[in-house]
C-alpha atoms as a PDB file:
ATOM      1  CA  GLN A   1      44.494  62.367-130.330  1.00  0.00           C
ATOM      2  CA  VAL A   2      46.656  59.136-129.537  1.00  0.00           C
ATOM      3  CA  GLN A   3      47.782  58.430-125.540  1.00  0.00           C
ATOM      4  CA  LEU A   4      49.939  55.707-124.565  1.00  0.00           C
ATOM      5  CA  VAL A   5      50.053  54.141-121.212  1.00  0.00           C
ATOM      6  CA  GLU A   6      52.899  52.071-119.915  1.00  0.00           C
ATOM      7  CA  SER A   7      53.305  49.196-117.251  1.00  0.00           C
ATOM      8  CA  GLY A   8      55.120  46.793-116.350  1.00  0.00           C
ATOM      9  CA  GLY A   9      58.515  49.071-114.582  1.00  0.00           C
ATOM     10  CA  GLY A  10      60.247  47.943-111.763  1.00  0.00           C
ATOM     11  CA  LEU A  11      62.800  47.059-109.604  1.00  0.00           C
ATOM     12  CA  VAL A  12      65.554  43.622-110.152  1.00  0.00           C
ATOM     13  CA  GLN A  13      68.601  42.037-109.813  1.00  0.00           C
ATOM     14  CA  ALA A  14      71.126  41.942-112.476  1.00  0.00           C
ATOM     15  CA  GLY A  15      70.585  39.025-114.787  1.00  0.00           C
ATOM     16  CA  ASP A  16      66.679  39.228-114.531  1.00  0.00           C
ATOM     17  CA  SER A  17      64.224  39.562-117.025  1.00  0.00           C
ATOM     18  CA  LEU A  18      61.338  42.317-117.235  1.00  0.00           C
ATOM     19  CA  ARG A  19      58.387  42.419-119.782  1.00  0.00           C
ATOM     20  CA  LEU A  20      57.297  46.366-120.184  1.00  0.00           C
ATOM     21  CA  SER A  21      53.548  46.984-121.938  1.00  0.00           C
ATOM     22  CA  CYS A  22      52.245  49.782-123.659  1.00  0.00           C
ATOM     23  CA  ILE A  23      48.818  50.684-125.001  1.00  0.00           C
ATOM     24  CA  ALA A  24      47.597  52.967-127.297  1.00  0.00           C
ATOM     25  CA  SER A  25      44.378  54.551-127.477  1.00  0.00           C
ATOM     26  CA  GLY A  26      42.202  57.523-128.673  1.00  0.00           C
ATOM     27  CA  ARG A  27      39.392  58.339-130.804  1.00  0.00           C
ATOM     28  CA  ALA A  28      40.409  57.669-134.078  1.00  0.00           C
ATOM     29  CA  PHE A  29      44.189  56.807-135.315  1.00  0.00           C
ATOM     30  CA  THR A  30      46.780  54.776-137.225  1.00  0.00           C
ATOM     31  CA  ILE A  31      49.920  53.529-136.436  1.00  0.00           C
ATOM     32  CA  HIS A  32      52.789  52.997-138.215  1.00  0.00           C
ATOM     33  CA  ALA A  33      55.730  52.190-136.518  1.00  0.00           C
ATOM     34  CA  MET A  34      55.685  51.657-132.322  1.00  0.00           C
ATOM     35  CA  GLY A  35      59.023  51.464-130.315  1.00  0.00           C
ATOM     36  CA  TRP A  36      60.959  51.984-127.251  1.00  0.00           C
ATOM     37  CA  PHE A  37      63.293  54.928-126.193  1.00  0.00           C
ATOM     38  CA  ARG A  38      65.554  54.921-122.934  1.00  0.00           C
ATOM     39  CA  GLN A  39      67.144  58.137-120.660  1.00  0.00           C
ATOM     40  CA  ALA A  40      69.182  57.565-117.758  1.00  0.00           C
ATOM     41  CA  PRO A  41      70.055  60.126-115.504  1.00  0.00           C
ATOM     42  CA  GLY A  42      72.202  62.614-116.915  1.00  0.00           C
ATOM     43  CA  LYS A  43      72.636  61.128-120.552  1.00  0.00           C
ATOM     44  CA  GLU A  44      70.711  61.715-123.473  1.00  0.00           C
ATOM     45  CA  ARG A  45      67.788  59.864-124.545  1.00  0.00           C
ATOM     46  CA  GLU A  46      68.851  56.614-126.387  1.00  0.00           C
ATOM     47  CA  PHE A  47      66.780  54.232-129.136  1.00  0.00           C
ATOM     48  CA  VAL A  48      65.948  50.802-128.412  1.00  0.00           C
ATOM     49  CA  ALA A  49      63.683  49.283-130.532  1.00  0.00           C
ATOM     50  CA  THR A  50      61.150  49.840-133.131  1.00  0.00           C
ATOM     51  CA  ILE A  51      58.443  47.566-134.662  1.00  0.00           C
ATOM     52  CA  ALA A  52      56.982  48.398-138.077  1.00  0.00           C
ATOM     53  CA  TRP A  53      53.472  48.017-137.150  1.00  0.00           C
ATOM     54  CA  ASN A  54      51.816  46.362-140.539  1.00  0.00           C
ATOM     55  CA  GLU A  55      55.147  44.591-141.453  1.00  0.00           C
ATOM     56  CA  GLY A  56      56.297  43.479-138.020  1.00  0.00           C
ATOM     57  CA  ALA A  57      59.990  44.452-138.741  1.00  0.00           C
ATOM     58  CA  THR A  58      62.151  44.819-135.603  1.00  0.00           C
ATOM     59  CA  TYR A  59      65.056  47.097-135.136  1.00  0.00           C
ATOM     60  CA  TYR A  60      67.428  47.504-132.115  1.00  0.00           C
ATOM     61  CA  GLY A  61      69.950  49.377-130.264  1.00  0.00           C
ATOM     62  CA  ASN A  62      73.307  48.251-130.448  1.00  0.00           C
ATOM     63  CA  SER A  63      73.692  48.093-126.413  1.00  0.00           C
ATOM     64  CA  VAL A  64      70.267  45.951-126.205  1.00  0.00           C
ATOM     65  CA  ARG A  65      70.672  43.837-129.533  1.00  0.00           C
ATOM     66  CA  GLY A  66      70.454  40.036-128.625  1.00  0.00           C
ATOM     67  CA  ARG A  67      69.104  40.832-124.880  1.00  0.00           C
ATOM     68  CA  PHE A  68      65.460  42.683-125.632  1.00  0.00           C
ATOM     69  CA  ALA A  69      63.085  41.481-127.955  1.00  0.00           C
ATOM     70  CA  ILE A  70      59.769  43.948-129.096  1.00  0.00           C
ATOM     71  CA  SER A  71      56.620  42.608-130.382  1.00  0.00           C
ATOM     72  CA  ARG A  72      53.214  43.688-130.919  1.00  0.00           C
ATOM     73  CA  ASP A  73      49.425  42.393-130.612  1.00  0.00           C
ATOM     74  CA  MET A  74      47.900  44.592-133.443  1.00  0.00           C
ATOM     75  CA  ASP A  75      44.221  43.797-132.166  1.00  0.00           C
ATOM     76  CA  LYS A  76      45.311  45.435-128.794  1.00  0.00           C
ATOM     77  CA  ASN A  77      47.219  47.910-129.981  1.00  0.00           C
ATOM     78  CA  THR A  78      49.834  47.281-127.654  1.00  0.00           C
ATOM     79  CA  VAL A  79      53.580  47.217-128.260  1.00  0.00           C
ATOM     80  CA  TYR A  80      55.546  44.713-125.502  1.00  0.00           C
ATOM     81  CA  LEU A  81      59.424  45.049-124.392  1.00  0.00           C
ATOM     82  CA  GLN A  82      60.769  41.662-123.800  1.00  0.00           C
ATOM     83  CA  MET A  83      63.877  42.721-121.280  1.00  0.00           C
ATOM     84  CA  ASN A  84      66.461  39.655-120.746  1.00  0.00           C
ATOM     85  CA  SER A  85      69.789  39.339-119.136  1.00  0.00           C
ATOM     86  CA  LEU A  86      69.122  42.836-117.385  1.00  0.00           C
ATOM     87  CA  LYS A  87      72.503  45.019-116.513  1.00  0.00           C
ATOM     88  CA  PRO A  88      72.813  47.986-114.212  1.00  0.00           C
ATOM     89  CA  GLU A  89      73.313  49.771-117.307  1.00  0.00           C
ATOM     90  CA  ASP A  90      69.791  49.062-118.637  1.00  0.00           C
ATOM     91  CA  THR A  91      68.707  51.233-115.815  1.00  0.00           C
ATOM     92  CA  ALA A  92      66.286  54.000-117.145  1.00  0.00           C
ATOM     93  CA  VAL A  93      63.201  55.723-117.715  1.00  0.00           C
ATOM     94  CA  TYR A  94      61.612  53.536-120.646  1.00  0.00           C
ATOM     95  CA  TYR A  95      59.436  55.472-123.193  1.00  0.00           C
ATOM     96  CA  CYS A  96      56.910  54.426-125.161  1.00  0.00           C
ATOM     97  CA  ALA A  97      56.731  56.206-128.433  1.00  0.00           C
ATOM     98  CA  LEU A  98      54.272  55.996-131.377  1.00  0.00           C
ATOM     99  CA  GLY A  99      54.647  56.886-135.327  1.00  0.00           C
ATOM    100  CA  GLN A 100      51.848  57.457-137.813  1.00  0.00           C
ATOM    101  CA  GLY A 101      54.544  58.695-140.729  1.00  0.00           C
ATOM    102  CA  ALA A 102      57.316  57.287-142.842  1.00  0.00           C
ATOM    103  CA  GLY A 103      60.938  58.385-141.718  1.00  0.00           C
ATOM    104  CA  ARG A 104      61.468  56.647-138.320  1.00  0.00           C
ATOM    105  CA  SER A 105      59.900  59.433-136.644  1.00  0.00           C
ATOM    106  CA  TYR A 106      57.553  59.775-133.786  1.00  0.00           C
ATOM    107  CA  ASP A 107      54.655  61.734-133.071  1.00  0.00           C
ATOM    108  CA  TYR A 108      53.271  60.560-129.770  1.00  0.00           C
ATOM    109  CA  TRP A 109      55.203  59.420-126.428  1.00  0.00           C
ATOM    110  CA  GLY A 110      54.385  57.709-123.067  1.00  0.00           C
ATOM    111  CA  GLN A 111      54.576  59.125-119.518  1.00  0.00           C
ATOM    112  CA  GLY A 112      57.678  57.088-119.131  1.00  0.00           C
ATOM    113  CA  THR A 113      58.100  54.105-116.749  1.00  0.00           C
ATOM    114  CA  GLN A 114      61.112  53.139-114.463  1.00  0.00           C
ATOM    115  CA  VAL A 115      63.547  50.391-114.820  1.00  0.00           C
ATOM    116  CA  THR A 116      65.912  49.841-112.298  1.00  0.00           C
ATOM    117  CA  VAL A 117      68.693  46.557-112.414  1.00  0.00           C
ATOM    118  CA  SER A 118      70.539  46.456-109.047  1.00  0.00           C
ATOM    119  CA  SER A 119      74.085  44.487-109.090  1.00  0.00           C
END
């Protein structure tokens, strides 16, 4: 019912910035929240950020708070992740997710986009 298409990943140097985008599409759907997760090799998937779609409230994981910013364009059904002051520890596959109900759960996931930060 819902497809998520991500873009913006790539290879950057430590200290650089990068912006990820994720577009949600489908025949008919409602967005309660959209968020970003990441997974590095050998590690569990980690929460990065989320935004309440209508209210605009944002939440961040401890490791990215103060450096990353999540935002959305409601008219375009698009969520962004602005990543600043990137560190090698940020290297991971970043996944976009969409939730349609309460409880901070997610129903749909994107394909993932690779972010690599070199030192």
